[in-house]
Amino acid sequence: MISSCPAPIPEHAPPSCPSCAWPAPAVVSAHGAVRYLRCVCGRWLIEQHGALVAVAGGSAFDTAAPHR
């Protein structure tokens, strides 16, 4: 039997953090196709249509080792 209802859009896992590789940053806010996530290291991630499009803010790893 063919259903006339569209298939639900599957939930996808948030992208992992590019700074610390944390696998599940928390979704803080969502507006349409854009989601704002916060990682445990302090980095902000911006996702659009399931793809990581921007990273902002500092990370706890920024101060872990002195810059040379």
PDB file of N, CA and C in Angstrom:
ATOM      1  N   MET A   1       0.838  -1.175   0.000  1.00  0.00           N
ATOM      2  CA  MET A   1       0.000   0.000   0.000  1.00  0.00           C
ATOM      3  C   MET A   1       0.885   1.241   0.000  1.00  0.00           C
ATOM      4  N   ILE A   2       0.551   2.188  -0.818  1.00  0.00           N
ATOM      5  CA  ILE A   2       1.304   3.430  -0.917  1.00  0.00           C
ATOM      6  C   ILE A   2       0.605   4.490  -0.076  1.00  0.00           C
ATOM      7  N   SER A   3       1.366   5.130   0.765  1.00  0.00           N
ATOM      8  CA  SER A   3       0.822   6.161   1.643  1.00  0.00           C
ATOM      9  C   SER A   3       0.941   7.512   0.971  1.00  0.00           C
ATOM     10  N   SER A   4      -0.089   8.343   1.146  1.00  0.00           N
ATOM     11  CA  SER A   4      -0.036   9.683   0.579  1.00  0.00           C
ATOM     12  C   SER A   4       0.633  10.681   1.519  1.00  0.00           C
ATOM     13  N   CYS A   5       0.943  10.246   2.728  1.00  0.00           N
ATOM     14  CA  CYS A   5       1.597  11.120   3.693  1.00  0.00           C
ATOM     15  C   CYS A   5       3.097  11.125   3.455  1.00  0.00           C
ATOM     16  N   PRO A   6       3.725  12.287   3.498  1.00  0.00           N
ATOM     17  CA  PRO A   6       5.186  12.306   3.338  1.00  0.00           C
ATOM     18  C   PRO A   6       5.863  11.661   4.545  1.00  0.00           C
ATOM     19  N   ALA A   7       6.999  11.089   4.295  1.00  0.00           N
ATOM     20  CA  ALA A   7       7.767  10.466   5.380  1.00  0.00           C
ATOM     21  C   ALA A   7       8.264  11.550   6.319  1.00  0.00           C
ATOM     22  N   PRO A   8       8.266  11.294   7.627  1.00  0.00           N
ATOM     23  CA  PRO A   8       8.773  12.309   8.561  1.00  0.00           C
ATOM     24  C   PRO A   8      10.262  12.534   8.353  1.00  0.00           C
ATOM     25  N   ILE A   9      10.673  13.758   8.576  1.00  0.00           N
ATOM     26  CA  ILE A   9      12.097  14.080   8.469  1.00  0.00           C
ATOM     27  C   ILE A   9      12.798  13.473   9.671  1.00  0.00           C
ATOM     28  N   PRO A  10      13.796  12.614   9.429  1.00  0.00           N
ATOM     29  CA  PRO A  10      14.467  11.985  10.571  1.00  0.00           C
ATOM     30  C   PRO A  10      15.274  12.992  11.381  1.00  0.00           C
ATOM     31  N   GLU A  11      15.289  12.811  12.689  1.00  0.00           N
ATOM     32  CA  GLU A  11      16.133  13.629  13.548  1.00  0.00           C
ATOM     33  C   GLU A  11      17.581  13.223  13.285  1.00  0.00           C
ATOM     34  N   HIS A  12      18.447  14.172  13.233  1.00  0.00           N
ATOM     35  CA  HIS A  12      19.858  13.859  13.025  1.00  0.00           C
ATOM     36  C   HIS A  12      20.646  14.286  14.255  1.00  0.00           C
ATOM     37  N   ALA A  13      21.740  13.652  14.420  1.00  0.00           N
ATOM     38  CA  ALA A  13      22.610  13.981  15.547  1.00  0.00           C
ATOM     39  C   ALA A  13      23.294  15.311  15.271  1.00  0.00           C
ATOM     40  N   PRO A  14      23.515  16.113  16.295  1.00  0.00           N
ATOM     41  CA  PRO A  14      24.243  17.358  16.076  1.00  0.00           C
ATOM     42  C   PRO A  14      25.680  17.067  15.632  1.00  0.00           C
ATOM     43  N   PRO A  15      26.298  18.009  14.956  1.00  0.00           N
ATOM     44  CA  PRO A  15      27.682  17.793  14.539  1.00  0.00           C
ATOM     45  C   PRO A  15      28.594  17.746  15.754  1.00  0.00           C
ATOM     46  N   SER A  16      29.701  17.032  15.624  1.00  0.00           N
ATOM     47  CA  SER A  16      30.670  17.023  16.721  1.00  0.00           C
ATOM     48  C   SER A  16      31.447  18.334  16.694  1.00  0.00           C
ATOM     49  N   CYS A  17      31.970  18.706  17.841  1.00  0.00           N
ATOM     50  CA  CYS A  17      32.702  19.967  17.973  1.00  0.00           C
ATOM     51  C   CYS A  17      34.047  19.872  17.263  1.00  0.00           C
ATOM     52  N   PRO A  18      34.384  20.836  16.407  1.00  0.00           N
ATOM     53  CA  PRO A  18      35.679  20.797  15.730  1.00  0.00           C
ATOM     54  C   PRO A  18      36.850  21.123  16.657  1.00  0.00           C
ATOM     55  N   SER A  19      36.584  21.706  17.827  1.00  0.00           N
ATOM     56  CA  SER A  19      37.662  22.056  18.754  1.00  0.00           C
ATOM     57  C   SER A  19      38.048  20.898  19.656  1.00  0.00           C
ATOM     58  N   CYS A  20      37.031  20.183  20.167  1.00  0.00           N
ATOM     59  CA  CYS A  20      37.333  19.136  21.147  1.00  0.00           C
ATOM     60  C   CYS A  20      36.767  17.765  20.768  1.00  0.00           C
ATOM     61  N   ALA A  21      36.032  17.694  19.661  1.00  0.00           N
ATOM     62  CA  ALA A  21      35.430  16.462  19.158  1.00  0.00           C
ATOM     63  C   ALA A  21      34.316  15.917  20.049  1.00  0.00           C
ATOM     64  N   TRP A  22      33.750  16.758  20.923  1.00  0.00           N
ATOM     65  CA  TRP A  22      32.615  16.325  21.735  1.00  0.00           C
ATOM     66  C   TRP A  22      31.507  15.909  20.778  1.00  0.00           C
ATOM     67  N   PRO A  23      30.949  14.709  20.952  1.00  0.00           N
ATOM     68  CA  PRO A  23      30.008  14.182  19.960  1.00  0.00           C
ATOM     69  C   PRO A  23      28.591  14.753  20.022  1.00  0.00           C
ATOM     70  N   ALA A  24      28.228  15.459  21.079  1.00  0.00           N
ATOM     71  CA  ALA A  24      26.836  15.891  21.197  1.00  0.00           C
ATOM     72  C   ALA A  24      26.676  17.264  21.831  1.00  0.00           C
ATOM     73  N   PRO A  25      27.055  18.345  21.124  1.00  0.00           N
ATOM     74  CA  PRO A  25      26.787  19.673  21.659  1.00  0.00           C
ATOM     75  C   PRO A  25      25.281  19.861  21.868  1.00  0.00           C
ATOM     76  N   ALA A  26      24.901  20.636  22.858  1.00  0.00           N
ATOM     77  CA  ALA A  26      23.495  20.832  23.203  1.00  0.00           C
ATOM     78  C   ALA A  26      22.859  21.912  22.330  1.00  0.00           C
ATOM     79  N   VAL A  27      21.661  21.624  21.837  1.00  0.00           N
ATOM     80  CA  VAL A  27      20.915  22.619  21.072  1.00  0.00           C
ATOM     81  C   VAL A  27      20.367  23.653  22.054  1.00  0.00           C
ATOM     82  N   VAL A  28      20.735  24.905  21.850  1.00  0.00           N
ATOM     83  CA  VAL A  28      20.287  25.991  22.718  1.00  0.00           C
ATOM     84  C   VAL A  28      19.078  26.694  22.114  1.00  0.00           C
ATOM     85  N   SER A  29      19.083  26.853  20.794  1.00  0.00           N
ATOM     86  CA  SER A  29      18.009  27.564  20.127  1.00  0.00           C
ATOM     87  C   SER A  29      17.905  27.074  18.688  1.00  0.00           C
ATOM     88  N   ALA A  30      16.711  27.152  18.134  1.00  0.00           N
ATOM     89  CA  ALA A  30      16.501  26.778  16.738  1.00  0.00           C
ATOM     90  C   ALA A  30      15.527  27.765  16.111  1.00  0.00           C
ATOM     91  N   HIS A  31      15.841  28.165  14.897  1.00  0.00           N
ATOM     92  CA  HIS A  31      14.999  29.100  14.147  1.00  0.00           C
ATOM     93  C   HIS A  31      14.933  28.597  12.712  1.00  0.00           C
ATOM     94  N   GLY A  32      13.847  27.931  12.366  1.00  0.00           N
ATOM     95  CA  GLY A  32      13.727  27.347  11.032  1.00  0.00           C
ATOM     96  C   GLY A  32      14.772  26.264  10.851  1.00  0.00           C
ATOM     97  N   ALA A  33      15.562  26.384   9.807  1.00  0.00           N
ATOM     98  CA  ALA A  33      16.583  25.382   9.505  1.00  0.00           C
ATOM     99  C   ALA A  33      17.900  25.632  10.235  1.00  0.00           C
ATOM    100  N   VAL A  34      17.967  26.711  11.011  1.00  0.00           N
ATOM    101  CA  VAL A  34      19.208  27.066  11.710  1.00  0.00           C
ATOM    102  C   VAL A  34      19.105  26.654  13.174  1.00  0.00           C
ATOM    103  N   ARG A  35      20.152  25.969  13.666  1.00  0.00           N
ATOM    104  CA  ARG A  35      20.214  25.580  15.077  1.00  0.00           C
ATOM    105  C   ARG A  35      21.505  26.122  15.665  1.00  0.00           C
ATOM    106  N   TYR A  36      21.401  26.637  16.896  1.00  0.00           N
ATOM    107  CA  TYR A  36      22.557  27.153  17.628  1.00  0.00           C
ATOM    108  C   TYR A  36      22.862  26.157  18.736  1.00  0.00           C
ATOM    109  N   LEU A  37      24.082  25.663  18.761  1.00  0.00           N
ATOM    110  CA  LEU A  37      24.485  24.640  19.714  1.00  0.00           C
ATOM    111  C   LEU A  37      25.627  25.148  20.577  1.00  0.00           C
ATOM    112  N   ARG A  38      25.723  24.632  21.789  1.00  0.00           N
ATOM    113  CA  ARG A  38      26.809  25.005  22.709  1.00  0.00           C
ATOM    114  C   ARG A  38      27.509  23.728  23.123  1.00  0.00           C
ATOM    115  N   CYS A  39      28.816  23.718  23.008  1.00  0.00           N
ATOM    116  CA  CYS A  39      29.615  22.551  23.371  1.00  0.00           C
ATOM    117  C   CYS A  39      30.079  22.655  24.823  1.00  0.00           C
ATOM    118  N   VAL A  40      30.437  21.538  25.401  1.00  0.00           N
ATOM    119  CA  VAL A  40      30.933  21.529  26.780  1.00  0.00           C
ATOM    120  C   VAL A  40      32.246  22.299  26.920  1.00  0.00           C
ATOM    121  N   CYS A  41      32.985  22.475  25.826  1.00  0.00           N
ATOM    122  CA  CYS A  41      34.242  23.225  25.888  1.00  0.00           C
ATOM    123  C   CYS A  41      34.016  24.728  25.805  1.00  0.00           C
ATOM    124  N   GLY A  42      32.770  25.150  25.557  1.00  0.00           N
ATOM    125  CA  GLY A  42      32.459  26.567  25.499  1.00  0.00           C
ATOM    126  C   GLY A  42      32.265  27.118  24.102  1.00  0.00           C
ATOM    127  N   ARG A  43      32.557  26.351  23.092  1.00  0.00           N
ATOM    128  CA  ARG A  43      32.445  26.816  21.709  1.00  0.00           C
ATOM    129  C   ARG A  43      30.973  26.827  21.269  1.00  0.00           C
ATOM    130  N   TRP A  44      30.585  27.834  20.483  1.00  0.00           N
ATOM    131  CA  TRP A  44      29.259  27.894  19.869  1.00  0.00           C
ATOM    132  C   TRP A  44      29.360  27.316  18.466  1.00  0.00           C
ATOM    133  N   LEU A  45      28.377  26.510  18.086  1.00  0.00           N
ATOM    134  CA  LEU A  45      28.323  25.930  16.750  1.00  0.00           C
ATOM    135  C   LEU A  45      27.011  26.360  16.110  1.00  0.00           C
ATOM    136  N   ILE A  46      27.058  26.676  14.833  1.00  0.00           N
ATOM    137  CA  ILE A  46      25.858  27.054  14.104  1.00  0.00           C
ATOM    138  C   ILE A  46      25.675  26.059  12.971  1.00  0.00           C
ATOM    139  N   GLU A  47      24.507  25.449  12.970  1.00  0.00           N
ATOM    140  CA  GLU A  47      24.193  24.401  12.006  1.00  0.00           C
ATOM    141  C   GLU A  47      23.014  24.851  11.151  1.00  0.00           C
ATOM    142  N   GLN A  48      23.100  24.598   9.843  1.00  0.00           N
ATOM    143  CA  GLN A  48      21.988  24.918   8.960  1.00  0.00           C
ATOM    144  C   GLN A  48      21.735  23.730   8.058  1.00  0.00           C
ATOM    145  N   HIS A  49      20.511  23.273   8.025  1.00  0.00           N
ATOM    146  CA  HIS A  49      20.118  22.107   7.238  1.00  0.00           C
ATOM    147  C   HIS A  49      21.011  20.895   7.536  1.00  0.00           C
ATOM    148  N   GLY A  50      21.396  20.718   8.784  1.00  0.00           N
ATOM    149  CA  GLY A  50      22.178  19.562   9.186  1.00  0.00           C
ATOM    150  C   GLY A  50      23.674  19.670   8.962  1.00  0.00           C
ATOM    151  N   ALA A  51      24.141  20.794   8.427  1.00  0.00           N
ATOM    152  CA  ALA A  51      25.572  20.975   8.167  1.00  0.00           C
ATOM    153  C   ALA A  51      26.130  22.067   9.076  1.00  0.00           C
ATOM    154  N   LEU A  52      27.305  21.844   9.608  1.00  0.00           N
ATOM    155  CA  LEU A  52      27.980  22.841  10.434  1.00  0.00           C
ATOM    156  C   LEU A  52      28.451  23.963   9.517  1.00  0.00           C
ATOM    157  N   VAL A  53      27.963  25.190   9.754  1.00  0.00           N
ATOM    158  CA  VAL A  53      28.305  26.306   8.871  1.00  0.00           C
ATOM    159  C   VAL A  53      29.197  27.350   9.536  1.00  0.00           C
ATOM    160  N   ALA A  54      29.237  27.365  10.873  1.00  0.00           N
ATOM    161  CA  ALA A  54      30.072  28.356  11.554  1.00  0.00           C
ATOM    162  C   ALA A  54      30.378  27.902  12.975  1.00  0.00           C
ATOM    163  N   VAL A  55      31.501  28.389  13.479  1.00  0.00           N
ATOM    164  CA  VAL A  55      31.916  28.135  14.855  1.00  0.00           C
ATOM    165  C   VAL A  55      32.359  29.479  15.414  1.00  0.00           C
ATOM    166  N   ALA A  56      31.901  29.787  16.634  1.00  0.00           N
ATOM    167  CA  ALA A  56      32.230  31.086  17.210  1.00  0.00           C
ATOM    168  C   ALA A  56      32.595  30.942  18.675  1.00  0.00           C
ATOM    169  N   GLY A  57      33.264  31.956  19.188  1.00  0.00           N
ATOM    170  CA  GLY A  57      33.602  31.975  20.601  1.00  0.00           C
ATOM    171  C   GLY A  57      34.859  31.196  20.914  1.00  0.00           C
ATOM    172  N   GLY A  58      35.263  31.308  22.158  1.00  0.00           N
ATOM    173  CA  GLY A  58      36.459  30.614  22.615  1.00  0.00           C
ATOM    174  C   GLY A  58      36.139  29.221  23.103  1.00  0.00           C
ATOM    175  N   SER A  59      37.155  28.447  23.239  1.00  0.00           N
ATOM    176  CA  SER A  59      37.033  27.088  23.736  1.00  0.00           C
ATOM    177  C   SER A  59      37.862  26.974  25.003  1.00  0.00           C
ATOM    178  N   ALA A  60      37.496  26.054  25.881  1.00  0.00           N
ATOM    179  CA  ALA A  60      38.292  25.808  27.061  1.00  0.00           C
ATOM    180  C   ALA A  60      39.701  25.367  26.676  1.00  0.00           C
ATOM    181  N   PHE A  61      39.850  24.863  25.461  1.00  0.00           N
ATOM    182  CA  PHE A  61      41.161  24.404  24.998  1.00  0.00           C
ATOM    183  C   PHE A  61      42.031  25.546  24.510  1.00  0.00           C
ATOM    184  N   ASP A  62      41.450  26.746  24.337  1.00  0.00           N
ATOM    185  CA  ASP A  62      42.238  27.906  23.917  1.00  0.00           C
ATOM    186  C   ASP A  62      43.278  28.284  24.969  1.00  0.00           C
ATOM    187  N   THR A  63      42.988  28.027  26.240  1.00  0.00           N
ATOM    188  CA  THR A  63      43.899  28.394  27.315  1.00  0.00           C
ATOM    189  C   THR A  63      44.669  27.195  27.885  1.00  0.00           C
ATOM    190  N   ALA A  64      44.450  26.018  27.303  1.00  0.00           N
ATOM    191  CA  ALA A  64      45.095  24.806  27.823  1.00  0.00           C
ATOM    192  C   ALA A  64      46.595  24.820  27.587  1.00  0.00           C
ATOM    193  N   ALA A  65      47.028  25.359  26.475  1.00  0.00           N
ATOM    194  CA  ALA A  65      48.455  25.406  26.163  1.00  0.00           C
ATOM    195  C   ALA A  65      48.807  26.815  25.716  1.00  0.00           C
ATOM    196  N   PRO A  66      49.939  27.325  26.132  1.00  0.00           N
ATOM    197  CA  PRO A  66      50.317  28.682  25.696  1.00  0.00           C
ATOM    198  C   PRO A  66      50.569  28.732  24.187  1.00  0.00           C
ATOM    199  N   HIS A  67      50.190  29.844  23.581  1.00  0.00           N
ATOM    200  CA  HIS A  67      50.440  30.034  22.150  1.00  0.00           C
ATOM    201  C   HIS A  67      51.890  30.422  21.942  1.00  0.00           C
ATOM    202  N   ARG A  68      52.457  29.938  20.909  1.00  0.00           N
ATOM    203  CA  ARG A  68      53.865  30.246  20.615  1.00  0.00           C
ATOM    204  C   ARG A  68      53.977  31.194  19.472  1.00  0.00           C
TER     205      ARG A  68
END
